[in-house]
Amino acid sequence: TDGARAMTGATAGAIAKIKEKSNETTSSHCIL
């Protein structure tokens, strides 16, 4: 993702919701 709050929020961020579905999923910051 681009590091926006909607993406990386610890509680309601999209990545946090994705990790609730799959614990093995990791996250990274877009190189651009």
Full PDB file with SEQRES, HELIX, SHEET, SSBOND, CRYST1, ORIGX, SCALE, CONECT and MASTER records, all heavy atoms in Angstrom:
SEQRES   1 A   32  THR ASP GLY ALA ARG ALA MET THR GLY ALA THR ALA GLY          
SEQRES   2 A   32  ALA ILE ALA LYS ILE LYS GLU LYS SER ASN GLU THR THR          
SEQRES   3 A   32  SER SER HIS CYS ILE LEU                                      
HELIX    1 AA1 ARG A    5  THR A    8  1                                   4    
HELIX    2 AA2 ALA A   14  LYS A   21  1                                   8    
CRYST1    1.000    1.000    1.000  90.00  90.00  90.00 P 1           1          
ORIGX1      1.000000  0.000000  0.000000        0.00000                         
ORIGX2      0.000000  1.000000  0.000000        0.00000                         
ORIGX3      0.000000  0.000000  1.000000        0.00000                         
SCALE1      1.000000  0.000000  0.000000        0.00000                         
SCALE2      0.000000  1.000000  0.000000        0.00000                         
SCALE3      0.000000  0.000000  1.000000        0.00000                         
ATOM      1  N   THR A   1       0.848  -1.198   0.000  1.00  0.00           N  
ATOM      2  CA  THR A   1       0.000   0.000   0.000  1.00  0.00           C  
ATOM      3  C   THR A   1       0.877   1.239   0.000  1.00  0.00           C  
ATOM      4  O   THR A   1       2.102   1.168   0.050  1.00  0.00           O  
ATOM      5  CB  THR A   1      -0.926   0.010   1.224  1.00  0.00           C  
ATOM      6  OG1 THR A   1      -0.125   0.073   2.413  1.00  0.00           O  
ATOM      7  CG2 THR A   1      -1.797  -1.226   1.260  1.00  0.00           C  
ATOM      8  N   ASP A   2       0.201   2.400  -0.032  1.00  0.00           N  
ATOM      9  CA  ASP A   2       0.911   3.680  -0.075  1.00  0.00           C  
ATOM     10  C   ASP A   2       1.151   4.262   1.307  1.00  0.00           C  
ATOM     11  O   ASP A   2       1.661   5.366   1.437  1.00  0.00           O  
ATOM     12  CB  ASP A   2       0.138   4.673  -0.934  1.00  0.00           C  
ATOM     13  CG  ASP A   2      -1.276   4.895  -0.416  1.00  0.00           C  
ATOM     14  OD1 ASP A   2      -1.661   4.247   0.572  1.00  0.00           O  
ATOM     15  OD2 ASP A   2      -1.998   5.724  -1.016  1.00  0.00           O  
ATOM     16  N   GLY A   3       0.765   3.571   2.350  1.00  0.00           N  
ATOM     17  CA  GLY A   3       1.013   4.063   3.702  1.00  0.00           C  
ATOM     18  C   GLY A   3      -0.030   5.022   4.223  1.00  0.00           C  
ATOM     19  O   GLY A   3       0.161   5.634   5.283  1.00  0.00           O  
ATOM     20  N   ALA A   4      -1.143   5.187   3.523  1.00  0.00           N  
ATOM     21  CA  ALA A   4      -2.204   6.068   3.999  1.00  0.00           C  
ATOM     22  C   ALA A   4      -2.857   5.481   5.242  1.00  0.00           C  
ATOM     23  O   ALA A   4      -2.830   4.270   5.469  1.00  0.00           O  
ATOM     24  CB  ALA A   4      -3.246   6.281   2.908  1.00  0.00           C  
ATOM     25  N   ARG A   5      -3.485   6.355   6.053  1.00  0.00           N  
ATOM     26  CA  ARG A   5      -4.090   5.901   7.297  1.00  0.00           C  
ATOM     27  C   ARG A   5      -5.204   4.883   7.048  1.00  0.00           C  
ATOM     28  O   ARG A   5      -5.374   3.933   7.818  1.00  0.00           O  
ATOM     29  CB  ARG A   5      -4.645   7.108   8.063  1.00  0.00           C  
ATOM     30  CG  ARG A   5      -5.252   6.771   9.420  1.00  0.00           C  
ATOM     31  CD  ARG A   5      -4.224   6.144  10.345  1.00  0.00           C  
ATOM     32  NE  ARG A   5      -3.131   7.057  10.592  1.00  0.00           N  
ATOM     33  CZ  ARG A   5      -3.132   7.994  11.560  1.00  0.00           C  
ATOM     34  NH1 ARG A   5      -4.189   8.098  12.348  1.00  0.00           N  
ATOM     35  NH2 ARG A   5      -2.098   8.776  11.715  1.00  0.00           N  
ATOM     36  N   ALA A   6      -5.954   5.072   5.963  1.00  0.00           N  
ATOM     37  CA  ALA A   6      -7.031   4.122   5.662  1.00  0.00           C  
ATOM     38  C   ALA A   6      -6.488   2.736   5.339  1.00  0.00           C  
ATOM     39  O   ALA A   6      -7.171   1.732   5.533  1.00  0.00           O  
ATOM     40  CB  ALA A   6      -7.864   4.633   4.489  1.00  0.00           C  
ATOM     41  N   MET A   7      -5.250   2.687   4.865  1.00  0.00           N  
ATOM     42  CA  MET A   7      -4.643   1.406   4.522  1.00  0.00           C  
ATOM     43  C   MET A   7      -3.939   0.762   5.710  1.00  0.00           C  
ATOM     44  O   MET A   7      -4.068  -0.430   5.970  1.00  0.00           O  
ATOM     45  CB  MET A   7      -3.639   1.597   3.373  1.00  0.00           C  
ATOM     46  CG  MET A   7      -4.260   2.053   2.073  1.00  0.00           C  
ATOM     47  SD  MET A   7      -5.238   0.750   1.312  1.00  0.00           S  
ATOM     48  CE  MET A   7      -5.651   1.547  -0.244  1.00  0.00           C  
ATOM     49  N   THR A   8      -3.170   1.556   6.463  1.00  0.00           N  
ATOM     50  CA  THR A   8      -2.274   1.002   7.487  1.00  0.00           C  
ATOM     51  C   THR A   8      -2.768   1.213   8.907  1.00  0.00           C  
ATOM     52  O   THR A   8      -2.013   0.981   9.854  1.00  0.00           O  
ATOM     53  CB  THR A   8      -0.884   1.644   7.345  1.00  0.00           C  
ATOM     54  OG1 THR A   8      -0.997   3.072   7.509  1.00  0.00           O  
ATOM     55  CG2 THR A   8      -0.295   1.345   5.977  1.00  0.00           C  
ATOM     56  N   GLY A   9      -3.995   1.663   9.100  1.00  0.00           N  
ATOM     57  CA  GLY A   9      -4.512   1.859  10.451  1.00  0.00           C  
ATOM     58  C   GLY A   9      -4.437   0.585  11.277  1.00  0.00           C  
ATOM     59  O   GLY A   9      -4.739  -0.506  10.796  1.00  0.00           O  
ATOM     60  N   ALA A  10      -4.035   0.714  12.545  1.00  0.00           N  
ATOM     61  CA  ALA A  10      -3.812  -0.468  13.376  1.00  0.00           C  
ATOM     62  C   ALA A  10      -5.103  -1.215  13.685  1.00  0.00           C  
ATOM     63  O   ALA A  10      -5.098  -2.434  13.863  1.00  0.00           O  
ATOM     64  CB  ALA A  10      -3.132  -0.060  14.682  1.00  0.00           C  
ATOM     65  N   THR A  11      -6.228  -0.508  13.734  1.00  0.00           N  
ATOM     66  CA  THR A  11      -7.490  -1.150  14.114  1.00  0.00           C  
ATOM     67  C   THR A  11      -8.446  -1.294  12.933  1.00  0.00           C  
ATOM     68  O   THR A  11      -8.919  -2.392  12.643  1.00  0.00           O  
ATOM     69  CB  THR A  11      -8.183  -0.348  15.219  1.00  0.00           C  
ATOM     70  OG1 THR A  11      -7.287  -0.207  16.328  1.00  0.00           O  
ATOM     71  CG2 THR A  11      -9.446  -1.045  15.677  1.00  0.00           C  
ATOM     72  N   ALA A  12      -8.735  -0.181  12.271  1.00  0.00           N  
ATOM     73  CA  ALA A  12      -9.726  -0.186  11.188  1.00  0.00           C  
ATOM     74  C   ALA A  12      -9.094  -0.073   9.810  1.00  0.00           C  
ATOM     75  O   ALA A  12      -9.802   0.131   8.827  1.00  0.00           O  
ATOM     76  CB  ALA A  12     -10.724   0.955  11.383  1.00  0.00           C  
ATOM     77  N   GLY A  13      -7.768  -0.190   9.712  1.00  0.00           N  
ATOM     78  CA  GLY A  13      -7.118  -0.108   8.414  1.00  0.00           C  
ATOM     79  C   GLY A  13      -7.389  -1.344   7.565  1.00  0.00           C  
ATOM     80  O   GLY A  13      -7.720  -2.416   8.065  1.00  0.00           O  
ATOM     81  N   ALA A  14      -7.245  -1.178   6.258  1.00  0.00           N  
ATOM     82  CA  ALA A  14      -7.519  -2.298   5.355  1.00  0.00           C  
ATOM     83  C   ALA A  14      -6.577  -3.464   5.616  1.00  0.00           C  
ATOM     84  O   ALA A  14      -6.992  -4.626   5.590  1.00  0.00           O  
ATOM     85  CB  ALA A  14      -7.401  -1.827   3.905  1.00  0.00           C  
ATOM     86  N   ILE A  15      -5.302  -3.178   5.896  1.00  0.00           N  
ATOM     87  CA  ILE A  15      -4.335  -4.256   6.144  1.00  0.00           C  
ATOM     88  C   ILE A  15      -4.678  -5.004   7.430  1.00  0.00           C  
ATOM     89  O   ILE A  15      -4.560  -6.231   7.501  1.00  0.00           O  
ATOM     90  CB  ILE A  15      -2.912  -3.678   6.202  1.00  0.00           C  
ATOM     91  CG1 ILE A  15      -2.501  -3.150   4.815  1.00  0.00           C  
ATOM     92  CG2 ILE A  15      -1.925  -4.732   6.675  1.00  0.00           C  
ATOM     93  CD1 ILE A  15      -1.124  -2.561   4.776  1.00  0.00           C  
ATOM     94  N   ALA A  16      -5.113  -4.270   8.460  1.00  0.00           N  
ATOM     95  CA  ALA A  16      -5.490  -4.929   9.707  1.00  0.00           C  
ATOM     96  C   ALA A  16      -6.661  -5.880   9.484  1.00  0.00           C  
ATOM     97  O   ALA A  16      -6.694  -6.986  10.042  1.00  0.00           O  
ATOM     98  CB  ALA A  16      -5.849  -3.879  10.759  1.00  0.00           C  
ATOM     99  N   LYS A  17      -7.619  -5.480   8.667  1.00  0.00           N  
ATOM    100  CA  LYS A  17      -8.762  -6.340   8.363  1.00  0.00           C  
ATOM    101  C   LYS A  17      -8.328  -7.554   7.557  1.00  0.00           C  
ATOM    102  O   LYS A  17      -8.850  -8.666   7.740  1.00  0.00           O  
ATOM    103  CB  LYS A  17      -9.821  -5.546   7.593  1.00  0.00           C  
ATOM    104  CG  LYS A  17     -10.432  -4.392   8.368  1.00  0.00           C  
ATOM    105  CD  LYS A  17     -11.223  -4.881   9.556  1.00  0.00           C  
ATOM    106  CE  LYS A  17     -11.880  -3.724  10.297  1.00  0.00           C  
ATOM    107  NZ  LYS A  17     -12.634  -4.187  11.483  1.00  0.00           N  
ATOM    108  N   ILE A  18      -7.366  -7.354   6.652  1.00  0.00           N  
ATOM    109  CA  ILE A  18      -6.876  -8.479   5.844  1.00  0.00           C  
ATOM    110  C   ILE A  18      -6.157  -9.493   6.721  1.00  0.00           C  
ATOM    111  O   ILE A  18      -6.323 -10.704   6.569  1.00  0.00           O  
ATOM    112  CB  ILE A  18      -5.948  -7.967   4.729  1.00  0.00           C  
ATOM    113  CG1 ILE A  18      -6.755  -7.168   3.697  1.00  0.00           C  
ATOM    114  CG2 ILE A  18      -5.228  -9.122   4.050  1.00  0.00           C  
ATOM    115  CD1 ILE A  18      -5.908  -6.494   2.648  1.00  0.00           C  
ATOM    116  N   LYS A  19      -5.364  -9.008   7.681  1.00  0.00           N  
ATOM    117  CA  LYS A  19      -4.632  -9.921   8.569  1.00  0.00           C  
ATOM    118  C   LYS A  19      -5.571 -10.688   9.497  1.00  0.00           C  
ATOM    119  O   LYS A  19      -5.211 -11.751   9.992  1.00  0.00           O  
ATOM    120  CB  LYS A  19      -3.603  -9.136   9.371  1.00  0.00           C  
ATOM    121  CG  LYS A  19      -2.436  -8.645   8.518  1.00  0.00           C  
ATOM    122  CD  LYS A  19      -1.383  -7.942   9.350  1.00  0.00           C  
ATOM    123  CE  LYS A  19      -0.201  -7.523   8.477  1.00  0.00           C  
ATOM    124  NZ  LYS A  19       0.862  -6.844   9.251  1.00  0.00           N  
ATOM    125  N   GLU A  20      -6.751 -10.137   9.738  1.00  0.00           N  
ATOM    126  CA  GLU A  20      -7.736 -10.904  10.504  1.00  0.00           C  
ATOM    127  C   GLU A  20      -8.233 -12.103   9.702  1.00  0.00           C  
ATOM    128  O   GLU A  20      -8.586 -13.139  10.274  1.00  0.00           O  
ATOM    129  CB  GLU A  20      -8.923 -10.004  10.869  1.00  0.00           C  
ATOM    130  CG  GLU A  20      -8.577  -8.916  11.879  1.00  0.00           C  
ATOM    131  CD  GLU A  20      -9.766  -8.024  12.168  1.00  0.00           C  
ATOM    132  OE1 GLU A  20     -10.857  -8.288  11.600  1.00  0.00           O  
ATOM    133  OE2 GLU A  20      -9.623  -7.058  12.944  1.00  0.00           O  
ATOM    134  N   LYS A  21      -8.254 -11.969   8.388  1.00  0.00           N  
ATOM    135  CA  LYS A  21      -8.661 -13.076   7.521  1.00  0.00           C  
ATOM    136  C   LYS A  21      -7.544 -14.088   7.332  1.00  0.00           C  
ATOM    137  O   LYS A  21      -7.787 -15.286   7.227  1.00  0.00           O  
ATOM    138  CB  LYS A  21      -9.096 -12.526   6.156  1.00  0.00           C  
ATOM    139  CG  LYS A  21     -10.408 -11.768   6.161  1.00  0.00           C  
ATOM    140  CD  LYS A  21     -11.578 -12.729   6.203  1.00  0.00           C  
ATOM    141  CE  LYS A  21     -12.900 -12.017   6.038  1.00  0.00           C  
ATOM    142  NZ  LYS A  21     -14.051 -12.952   6.014  1.00  0.00           N  
ATOM    143  N   SER A  22      -6.307 -13.584   7.235  1.00  0.00           N  
ATOM    144  CA  SER A  22      -5.163 -14.464   7.005  1.00  0.00           C  
ATOM    145  C   SER A  22      -3.986 -13.976   7.838  1.00  0.00           C  
ATOM    146  O   SER A  22      -3.418 -12.908   7.567  1.00  0.00           O  
ATOM    147  CB  SER A  22      -4.800 -14.485   5.512  1.00  0.00           C  
ATOM    148  OG  SER A  22      -3.635 -15.240   5.290  1.00  0.00           O  
ATOM    149  N   ASN A  23      -3.609 -14.742   8.854  1.00  0.00           N  
ATOM    150  CA  ASN A  23      -2.518 -14.335   9.745  1.00  0.00           C  
ATOM    151  C   ASN A  23      -1.167 -14.355   9.058  1.00  0.00           C  
ATOM    152  O   ASN A  23      -0.230 -13.671   9.479  1.00  0.00           O  
ATOM    153  CB  ASN A  23      -2.487 -15.264  10.965  1.00  0.00           C  
ATOM    154  CG  ASN A  23      -3.726 -15.118  11.831  1.00  0.00           C  
ATOM    155  OD1 ASN A  23      -4.305 -14.031  11.897  1.00  0.00           O  
ATOM    156  ND2 ASN A  23      -4.142 -16.204  12.465  1.00  0.00           N  
ATOM    157  N   GLU A  24      -1.024 -15.140   7.987  1.00  0.00           N  
ATOM    158  CA  GLU A  24       0.262 -15.273   7.315  1.00  0.00           C  
ATOM    159  C   GLU A  24       0.523 -14.143   6.312  1.00  0.00           C  
ATOM    160  O   GLU A  24       1.616 -14.058   5.764  1.00  0.00           O  
ATOM    161  CB  GLU A  24       0.328 -16.619   6.595  1.00  0.00           C  
ATOM    162  CG  GLU A  24       0.228 -17.812   7.543  1.00  0.00           C  
ATOM    163  CD  GLU A  24       0.290 -19.122   6.795  1.00  0.00           C  
ATOM    164  OE1 GLU A  24       0.344 -19.088   5.536  1.00  0.00           O  
ATOM    165  OE2 GLU A  24       0.294 -20.183   7.458  1.00  0.00           O  
ATOM    166  N   THR A  25      -0.452 -13.294   6.068  1.00  0.00           N  
ATOM    167  CA  THR A  25      -0.284 -12.200   5.114  1.00  0.00           C  
ATOM    168  C   THR A  25       0.581 -11.098   5.711  1.00  0.00           C  
ATOM    169  O   THR A  25       0.335 -10.636   6.827  1.00  0.00           O  
ATOM    170  CB  THR A  25      -1.648 -11.615   4.704  1.00  0.00           C  
ATOM    171  OG1 THR A  25      -2.457 -12.653   4.159  1.00  0.00           O  
ATOM    172  CG2 THR A  25      -1.477 -10.520   3.670  1.00  0.00           C  
ATOM    173  N   THR A  26       1.602 -10.667   4.989  1.00  0.00           N  
ATOM    174  CA  THR A  26       2.465  -9.571   5.417  1.00  0.00           C  
ATOM    175  C   THR A  26       2.091  -8.305   4.654  1.00  0.00           C  
ATOM    176  O   THR A  26       1.330  -8.334   3.688  1.00  0.00           O  
ATOM    177  CB  THR A  26       3.940  -9.911   5.169  1.00  0.00           C  
ATOM    178  OG1 THR A  26       4.134 -10.143   3.755  1.00  0.00           O  
ATOM    179  CG2 THR A  26       4.336 -11.157   5.941  1.00  0.00           C  
ATOM    180  N   SER A  27       2.665  -7.173   5.077  1.00  0.00           N  
ATOM    181  CA  SER A  27       2.389  -5.882   4.429  1.00  0.00           C  
ATOM    182  C   SER A  27       3.708  -5.189   4.120  1.00  0.00           C  
ATOM    183  O   SER A  27       4.709  -5.378   4.812  1.00  0.00           O  
ATOM    184  CB  SER A  27       1.523  -4.996   5.322  1.00  0.00           C  
ATOM    185  OG  SER A  27       2.177  -4.740   6.561  1.00  0.00           O  
ATOM    186  N   SER A  28       3.700  -4.361   3.084  1.00  0.00           N  
ATOM    187  CA  SER A  28       4.891  -3.616   2.675  1.00  0.00           C  
ATOM    188  C   SER A  28       4.468  -2.259   2.155  1.00  0.00           C  
ATOM    189  O   SER A  28       3.292  -2.022   1.847  1.00  0.00           O  
ATOM    190  CB  SER A  28       5.683  -4.377   1.607  1.00  0.00           C  
ATOM    191  OG  SER A  28       4.865  -4.649   0.479  1.00  0.00           O  
ATOM    192  N   HIS A  29       5.453  -1.359   2.060  1.00  0.00           N  
ATOM    193  CA  HIS A  29       5.197   0.000   1.613  1.00  0.00           C  
ATOM    194  C   HIS A  29       5.578   0.119   0.142  1.00  0.00           C  
ATOM    195  O   HIS A  29       6.630  -0.357  -0.283  1.00  0.00           O  
ATOM    196  CB  HIS A  29       6.005   0.995   2.437  1.00  0.00           C  
ATOM    197  CG  HIS A  29       5.501   2.410   2.345  1.00  0.00           C  
ATOM    198  ND1 HIS A  29       5.639   3.177   1.213  1.00  0.00           N  
ATOM    199  CD2 HIS A  29       4.842   3.179   3.243  1.00  0.00           C  
ATOM    200  CE1 HIS A  29       5.111   4.360   1.418  1.00  0.00           C  
ATOM    201  NE2 HIS A  29       4.615   4.392   2.649  1.00  0.00           N  
ATOM    202  N   CYS A  30       4.728   0.766  -0.635  1.00  0.00           N  
ATOM    203  CA  CYS A  30       4.962   0.924  -2.071  1.00  0.00           C  
ATOM    204  C   CYS A  30       6.268   1.670  -2.316  1.00  0.00           C  
ATOM    205  O   CYS A  30       6.538   2.703  -1.708  1.00  0.00           O  
ATOM    206  CB  CYS A  30       3.799   1.661  -2.717  1.00  0.00           C  
ATOM    207  SG  CYS A  30       4.026   2.016  -4.466  1.00  0.00           S  
ATOM    208  N   ILE A  31       7.104   1.181  -3.238  1.00  0.00           N  
ATOM    209  CA  ILE A  31       8.408   1.776  -3.504  1.00  0.00           C  
ATOM    210  C   ILE A  31       8.262   3.179  -4.082  1.00  0.00           C  
ATOM    211  O   ILE A  31       9.096   4.057  -3.827  1.00  0.00           O  
ATOM    212  CB  ILE A  31       9.234   0.872  -4.451  1.00  0.00           C  
ATOM    213  CG1 ILE A  31      10.641   1.420  -4.621  1.00  0.00           C  
ATOM    214  CG2 ILE A  31       8.530   0.716  -5.784  1.00  0.00           C  
ATOM    215  CD1 ILE A  31      11.455   1.437  -3.382  1.00  0.00           C  
ATOM    216  N   LEU A  32       7.203   3.418  -4.862  1.00  0.00           N  
ATOM    217  CA  LEU A  32       7.022   4.750  -5.435  1.00  0.00           C  
ATOM    218  C   LEU A  32       6.729   5.779  -4.359  1.00  0.00           C  
ATOM    219  O   LEU A  32       7.239   6.896  -4.396  1.00  0.00           O  
ATOM    220  CB  LEU A  32       5.895   4.732  -6.467  1.00  0.00           C  
ATOM    221  CG  LEU A  32       6.141   3.897  -7.718  1.00  0.00           C  
ATOM    222  CD1 LEU A  32       4.948   4.002  -8.648  1.00  0.00           C  
ATOM    223  CD2 LEU A  32       7.397   4.351  -8.430  1.00  0.00           C  
TER     224      LEU A  32                                                      
MASTER        0    0    0    2    0    0    0    6  223    1    0    3          
END                                                                             
